[in-house]
């Protein structure tokens, strides 16, 4: 795939979608309360930039903190489970059961316990992103070359050295795959948590604007949330290119 197509392809699709959006709203095929025109939506960013970007900053902070802490927890548990069979048998079933709990059922309990500040939103993001890292981390750590591991053992390498020099390098593709998905999931988690109880953030803005029938603000919040999530995914891809320059296509894990 050429560089021109990588840049021009998505740009062309985006322009096509905007043209279709403008056409169907301009011809009145969709009620403006359901989908306002792109002019009205983008006008919100011009008339109320502080409202949009201020709330987006709150949600981004919750999502990024949850992303970092949740993936760190997932990778730590993956290392423990791969290194300790007894720890894996004792804790992994509990981790799988926790992942099966609906996020909308956990959020009200966290808000009751921690209030309506940023803390419960961060915890919801952690809750949602740690399991993909746990699963991918375990797969990656187990994929290390067995012969290389035996060589390190024959050289009397410590468990930390075998982890750092053999297991973690082998796990990097799996780790970055989990990070790409988590970058989107963390924003979803933060916004969903803000729906339940919040006085700021994109989730709060969507609920409040929706109750006032201001669909242009609702869609503006949706767009800025989507853009923020895409930027975070892009940063993860850039980090992957720096850490793994030998990778052919850092976006492969998204397909």
Protein backbone atom coordinates (compact mmCIF):
# COMPACT_ATOMS: atom_id res chain seq x y z
CA UNK A 1 0.00 0.00 0.00
CA UNK A 2 1.50 3.30 -1.08
CA UNK A 3 1.85 6.26 1.25
CA UNK A 4 -0.43 8.35 -1.00
CA UNK A 5 -3.22 5.79 -0.70
CA UNK A 6 -2.80 5.52 3.06
CA UNK A 7 -3.36 9.26 3.36
CA UNK A 8 -5.72 9.87 0.45
CA UNK A 9 -7.94 6.83 0.95
CA UNK A 10 -9.25 7.73 4.43
CA UNK A 11 -9.45 11.42 3.45
CA UNK A 12 -11.55 10.56 0.41
CA UNK A 13 -13.90 8.37 2.44
CA UNK A 14 -14.26 11.14 5.05
CA UNK A 15 -15.09 13.75 2.40
CA UNK A 16 -17.62 11.38 0.83
CA UNK A 17 -19.35 10.82 4.18
CA UNK A 18 -19.47 14.56 4.82
CA UNK A 19 -20.98 15.14 1.36
CA UNK A 20 -23.64 12.48 1.96
CA UNK A 21 -24.34 13.94 5.40
CA UNK A 22 -24.76 17.43 3.95
CA UNK A 23 -26.97 16.10 1.14
CA UNK A 24 -29.43 14.08 3.25
CA UNK A 25 -29.83 16.87 5.81
CA UNK A 26 -30.04 19.63 3.19
CA UNK A 27 -32.79 17.79 1.31
CA UNK A 28 -34.72 17.21 4.52
CA UNK A 29 -34.57 13.43 4.36
CA UNK A 30 -33.70 13.25 8.08
CA UNK A 31 -35.27 15.21 10.91
CA UNK A 32 -32.78 17.86 12.19
CA UNK A 33 -33.57 16.73 15.75
CA UNK A 34 -32.13 13.34 14.80
CA UNK A 35 -29.25 14.49 12.61
CA UNK A 36 -28.56 18.21 12.17
CA UNK A 37 -26.58 19.52 9.22
CA UNK A 38 -22.77 19.43 9.34
CA UNK A 39 -22.79 23.24 9.21
CA UNK A 40 -24.82 23.37 12.44
CA UNK A 41 -22.64 20.76 14.15
CA UNK A 42 -19.31 22.32 13.21
CA UNK A 43 -20.75 25.72 14.09
CA UNK A 44 -20.86 24.59 17.73
CA UNK A 45 -17.06 24.40 17.78
CA UNK A 46 -16.94 28.00 16.53
CA UNK A 47 -19.54 29.46 18.87
CA UNK A 48 -18.81 27.40 22.01
CA UNK A 49 -15.18 26.21 21.86
CA UNK A 50 -14.71 26.41 25.62
CA UNK A 51 -17.73 24.22 26.31
CA UNK A 52 -16.69 21.53 23.83
CA UNK A 53 -12.94 21.37 24.39
CA UNK A 54 -13.18 21.88 28.15
CA UNK A 55 -15.46 18.87 28.57
CA UNK A 56 -13.39 16.90 26.06
CA UNK A 57 -10.29 17.55 28.16
CA UNK A 58 -11.96 16.12 31.27
CA UNK A 59 -13.03 12.95 29.44
CA UNK A 60 -9.60 12.59 27.82
CA UNK A 61 -7.88 12.82 31.22
CA UNK A 62 -10.15 10.11 32.64
CA UNK A 63 -9.64 7.89 29.59
CA UNK A 64 -5.85 8.26 29.47
CA UNK A 65 -5.34 7.65 33.20
CA UNK A 66 -7.62 4.62 33.01
CA UNK A 67 -5.78 3.40 29.90
CA UNK A 68 -2.37 3.60 31.56
CA UNK A 69 -3.40 2.09 34.91
CA UNK A 70 -5.65 -0.59 33.43
CA UNK A 71 -3.04 -1.83 30.97
CA UNK A 72 -0.30 -1.73 33.61
CA UNK A 73 -2.51 -3.87 35.87
CA UNK A 74 -3.33 -6.27 33.04
CA UNK A 75 0.32 -6.71 32.04
CA UNK A 76 1.40 -7.17 35.66
CA UNK A 77 -1.21 -9.89 36.18
CA UNK A 78 -0.16 -11.53 32.89
CA UNK A 79 3.45 -11.68 34.08
CA UNK A 80 2.36 -13.16 37.43
CA UNK A 81 0.06 -15.73 35.81
CA UNK A 82 2.69 -16.89 33.32
CA UNK A 83 5.31 -17.15 36.06
CA UNK A 84 3.08 -18.80 38.68
CA UNK A 85 0.65 -21.59 37.84
CA UNK A 86 -0.85 -21.48 41.33
CA UNK A 87 -1.46 -17.73 41.06
CA UNK A 88 -3.07 -18.23 37.65
CA UNK A 89 -5.41 -20.94 38.93
CA UNK A 90 -6.37 -18.84 41.96
CA UNK A 91 -6.91 -15.41 40.40
CA UNK A 92 -7.63 -15.89 36.68
CA UNK A 93 -11.19 -17.23 37.20
CA UNK A 94 -11.96 -14.16 39.32
CA UNK A 95 -10.57 -11.87 36.62
CA UNK A 96 -12.71 -13.60 33.99
CA UNK A 97 -15.80 -13.33 36.19
CA UNK A 98 -15.15 -9.62 36.76
CA UNK A 99 -14.94 -9.05 33.01
CA UNK A 100 -18.38 -10.65 32.59
CA UNK A 101 -20.01 -8.05 34.87
CA UNK A 102 -21.88 -5.42 32.76
CA UNK A 103 -20.16 -2.05 32.96
CA UNK A 104 -23.48 -0.25 33.45
CA UNK A 105 -24.05 -2.32 36.59
CA UNK A 106 -20.66 -1.44 38.08
CA UNK A 107 -20.78 2.30 37.42
CA UNK A 108 -23.58 3.27 39.86
CA UNK A 109 -21.90 1.36 42.69
CA UNK A 110 -18.58 3.08 42.05
CA UNK A 111 -20.24 6.49 41.97
CA UNK A 112 -22.00 5.78 45.27
CA UNK A 113 -18.68 4.82 46.82
CA UNK A 114 -16.39 7.46 45.28
CA UNK A 115 -18.74 10.34 44.40
CA UNK A 116 -19.33 11.97 41.03
CA UNK A 117 -15.74 13.18 40.45
CA UNK A 118 -13.14 11.72 38.11
CA UNK A 119 -12.26 8.72 40.30
CA UNK A 120 -15.20 6.42 39.42
CA UNK A 121 -14.81 7.20 35.70
CA UNK A 122 -11.15 6.25 35.86
CA UNK A 123 -12.01 3.04 37.70
CA UNK A 124 -14.59 2.14 35.05
CA UNK A 125 -11.97 2.71 32.34
CA UNK A 126 -9.51 0.51 34.24
CA UNK A 127 -12.19 -2.15 34.63
CA UNK A 128 -12.89 -2.20 30.90
CA UNK A 129 -9.34 -2.19 29.50
CA UNK A 130 -7.34 -4.42 31.83
CA UNK A 131 -8.74 -7.77 30.62
CA UNK A 132 -7.72 -7.43 26.93
CA UNK A 133 -4.18 -6.65 28.09
CA UNK A 134 -4.27 -9.60 30.49
CA UNK A 135 -5.28 -12.04 27.74
CA UNK A 136 -2.95 -10.65 25.08
CA UNK A 137 -0.10 -10.28 27.55
CA UNK A 138 -0.36 -13.93 28.58
CA UNK A 139 -0.43 -15.05 24.93
CA UNK A 140 2.55 -12.89 24.10
CA UNK A 141 4.66 -13.94 27.07
CA UNK A 142 3.98 -17.59 26.29
CA UNK A 143 4.98 -17.10 22.64
CA UNK A 144 8.64 -16.57 23.53
CA UNK A 145 11.12 -18.83 21.74
CA UNK A 146 11.58 -21.96 23.86
CA UNK A 147 15.15 -22.55 22.64
CA UNK A 148 16.13 -18.99 23.51
CA UNK A 149 14.62 -19.49 26.96
CA UNK A 150 16.67 -22.68 27.42
CA UNK A 151 19.80 -20.80 26.36
CA UNK A 152 19.14 -18.10 28.95
CA UNK A 153 18.58 -20.79 31.56
CA UNK A 154 21.87 -22.48 30.66
CA UNK A 155 23.60 -19.11 31.08
CA UNK A 156 22.15 -18.95 34.61
CA UNK A 157 20.03 -15.90 33.79
CA UNK A 158 17.72 -14.70 36.54
CA UNK A 159 13.93 -14.82 36.09
CA UNK A 160 13.96 -11.02 35.70
CA UNK A 161 16.58 -11.24 32.94
CA UNK A 162 14.60 -13.93 31.10
CA UNK A 163 11.49 -11.80 31.38
CA UNK A 164 13.16 -8.60 30.22
CA UNK A 165 15.32 -10.10 27.44
CA UNK A 166 13.12 -12.93 26.10
CA UNK A 167 9.49 -12.86 27.15
CA UNK A 168 8.67 -9.14 26.93
CA UNK A 169 10.22 -8.62 23.45
CA UNK A 170 8.20 -11.60 22.19
CA UNK A 171 5.04 -10.16 23.76
CA UNK A 172 5.37 -6.67 22.24
CA UNK A 173 3.08 -7.30 19.21
CA UNK A 174 0.37 -8.67 21.50
CA UNK A 175 0.81 -5.80 23.97
CA UNK A 176 0.40 -3.15 21.29
CA UNK A 177 -2.64 -4.93 19.85
CA UNK A 178 -4.27 -4.69 23.27
CA UNK A 179 -3.24 -1.04 23.59
CA UNK A 180 -4.87 -0.11 20.28
CA UNK A 181 -8.21 -1.58 21.29
CA UNK A 182 -7.91 -0.17 24.81
CA UNK A 183 -7.32 3.33 23.46
CA UNK A 184 -10.87 3.29 22.07
CA UNK A 185 -12.40 1.35 24.97
CA UNK A 186 -11.08 3.76 27.58
CA UNK A 187 -12.96 6.66 25.96
CA UNK A 188 -16.13 4.59 25.72
CA UNK A 189 -15.83 3.67 29.39
CA UNK A 190 -15.27 7.26 30.52
CA UNK A 191 -18.21 8.59 28.48
CA UNK A 192 -20.56 5.83 29.68
CA UNK A 193 -19.58 6.50 33.29
CA UNK A 194 -20.27 10.20 32.80
CA UNK A 195 -23.79 9.39 31.61
CA UNK A 196 -24.68 7.96 35.02
CA UNK A 197 -23.56 10.84 37.24
CA UNK A 198 -21.31 13.75 36.32
CA UNK A 199 -21.34 17.51 36.09
CA UNK A 200 -18.69 17.76 33.37
CA UNK A 201 -17.22 15.70 30.54
CA UNK A 202 -18.48 14.62 27.13
CA UNK A 203 -20.89 12.05 28.56
CA UNK A 204 -22.49 14.69 30.77
CA UNK A 205 -22.64 17.10 27.83
CA UNK A 206 -24.35 14.52 25.59
CA UNK A 207 -26.99 13.75 28.23
CA UNK A 208 -27.61 17.40 29.13
CA UNK A 209 -27.74 18.64 25.53
CA UNK A 210 -29.99 15.72 24.58
CA UNK A 211 -32.44 16.59 27.35
CA UNK A 212 -32.59 20.13 25.93
CA UNK A 213 -33.09 18.84 22.35
CA UNK A 214 -29.84 20.50 21.23
CA UNK A 215 -28.87 17.80 18.79
CA UNK A 216 -26.11 19.93 17.25
CA UNK A 217 -24.25 19.92 20.60
CA UNK A 218 -24.88 16.19 21.00
CA UNK A 219 -23.32 15.41 17.64
CA UNK A 220 -20.50 17.86 18.22
CA UNK A 221 -19.67 16.02 21.46
CA UNK A 222 -19.84 12.68 19.63
CA UNK A 223 -17.48 13.94 16.93
CA UNK A 224 -14.93 15.38 19.34
CA UNK A 225 -15.04 12.17 21.38
CA UNK A 226 -14.43 10.12 18.24
CA UNK A 227 -11.60 12.39 17.15
CA UNK A 228 -9.98 12.24 20.60
CA UNK A 229 -10.15 8.44 20.57
CA UNK A 230 -8.60 8.31 17.09
CA UNK A 231 -5.79 10.63 18.19
CA UNK A 232 -5.05 8.36 21.14
CA UNK A 233 -4.95 5.32 18.86
CA UNK A 234 -2.61 7.22 16.54
CA UNK A 235 -0.27 7.98 19.43
CA UNK A 236 -0.19 4.29 20.31
CA UNK A 237 0.66 3.45 16.69
CA UNK A 238 3.47 6.03 16.68
CA UNK A 239 4.83 4.55 19.91
CA UNK A 240 4.70 1.09 18.36
CA UNK A 241 6.73 2.30 15.38
CA UNK A 242 9.37 3.67 17.73
CA UNK A 243 9.50 0.58 19.93
CA UNK A 244 9.08 -1.95 17.09
CA UNK A 245 10.64 -0.41 13.95
CA UNK A 246 10.86 -3.85 12.38
CA UNK A 247 7.06 -4.23 12.28
CA UNK A 248 5.69 -4.10 8.72
CA UNK A 249 2.29 -2.59 9.51
CA UNK A 250 1.55 -1.26 13.03
CA UNK A 251 -2.18 -1.10 12.19
CA UNK A 252 -2.36 -4.82 11.49
CA UNK A 253 -3.74 -5.54 14.95
CA UNK A 254 -6.79 -3.39 14.20
CA UNK A 255 -7.99 -5.63 11.38
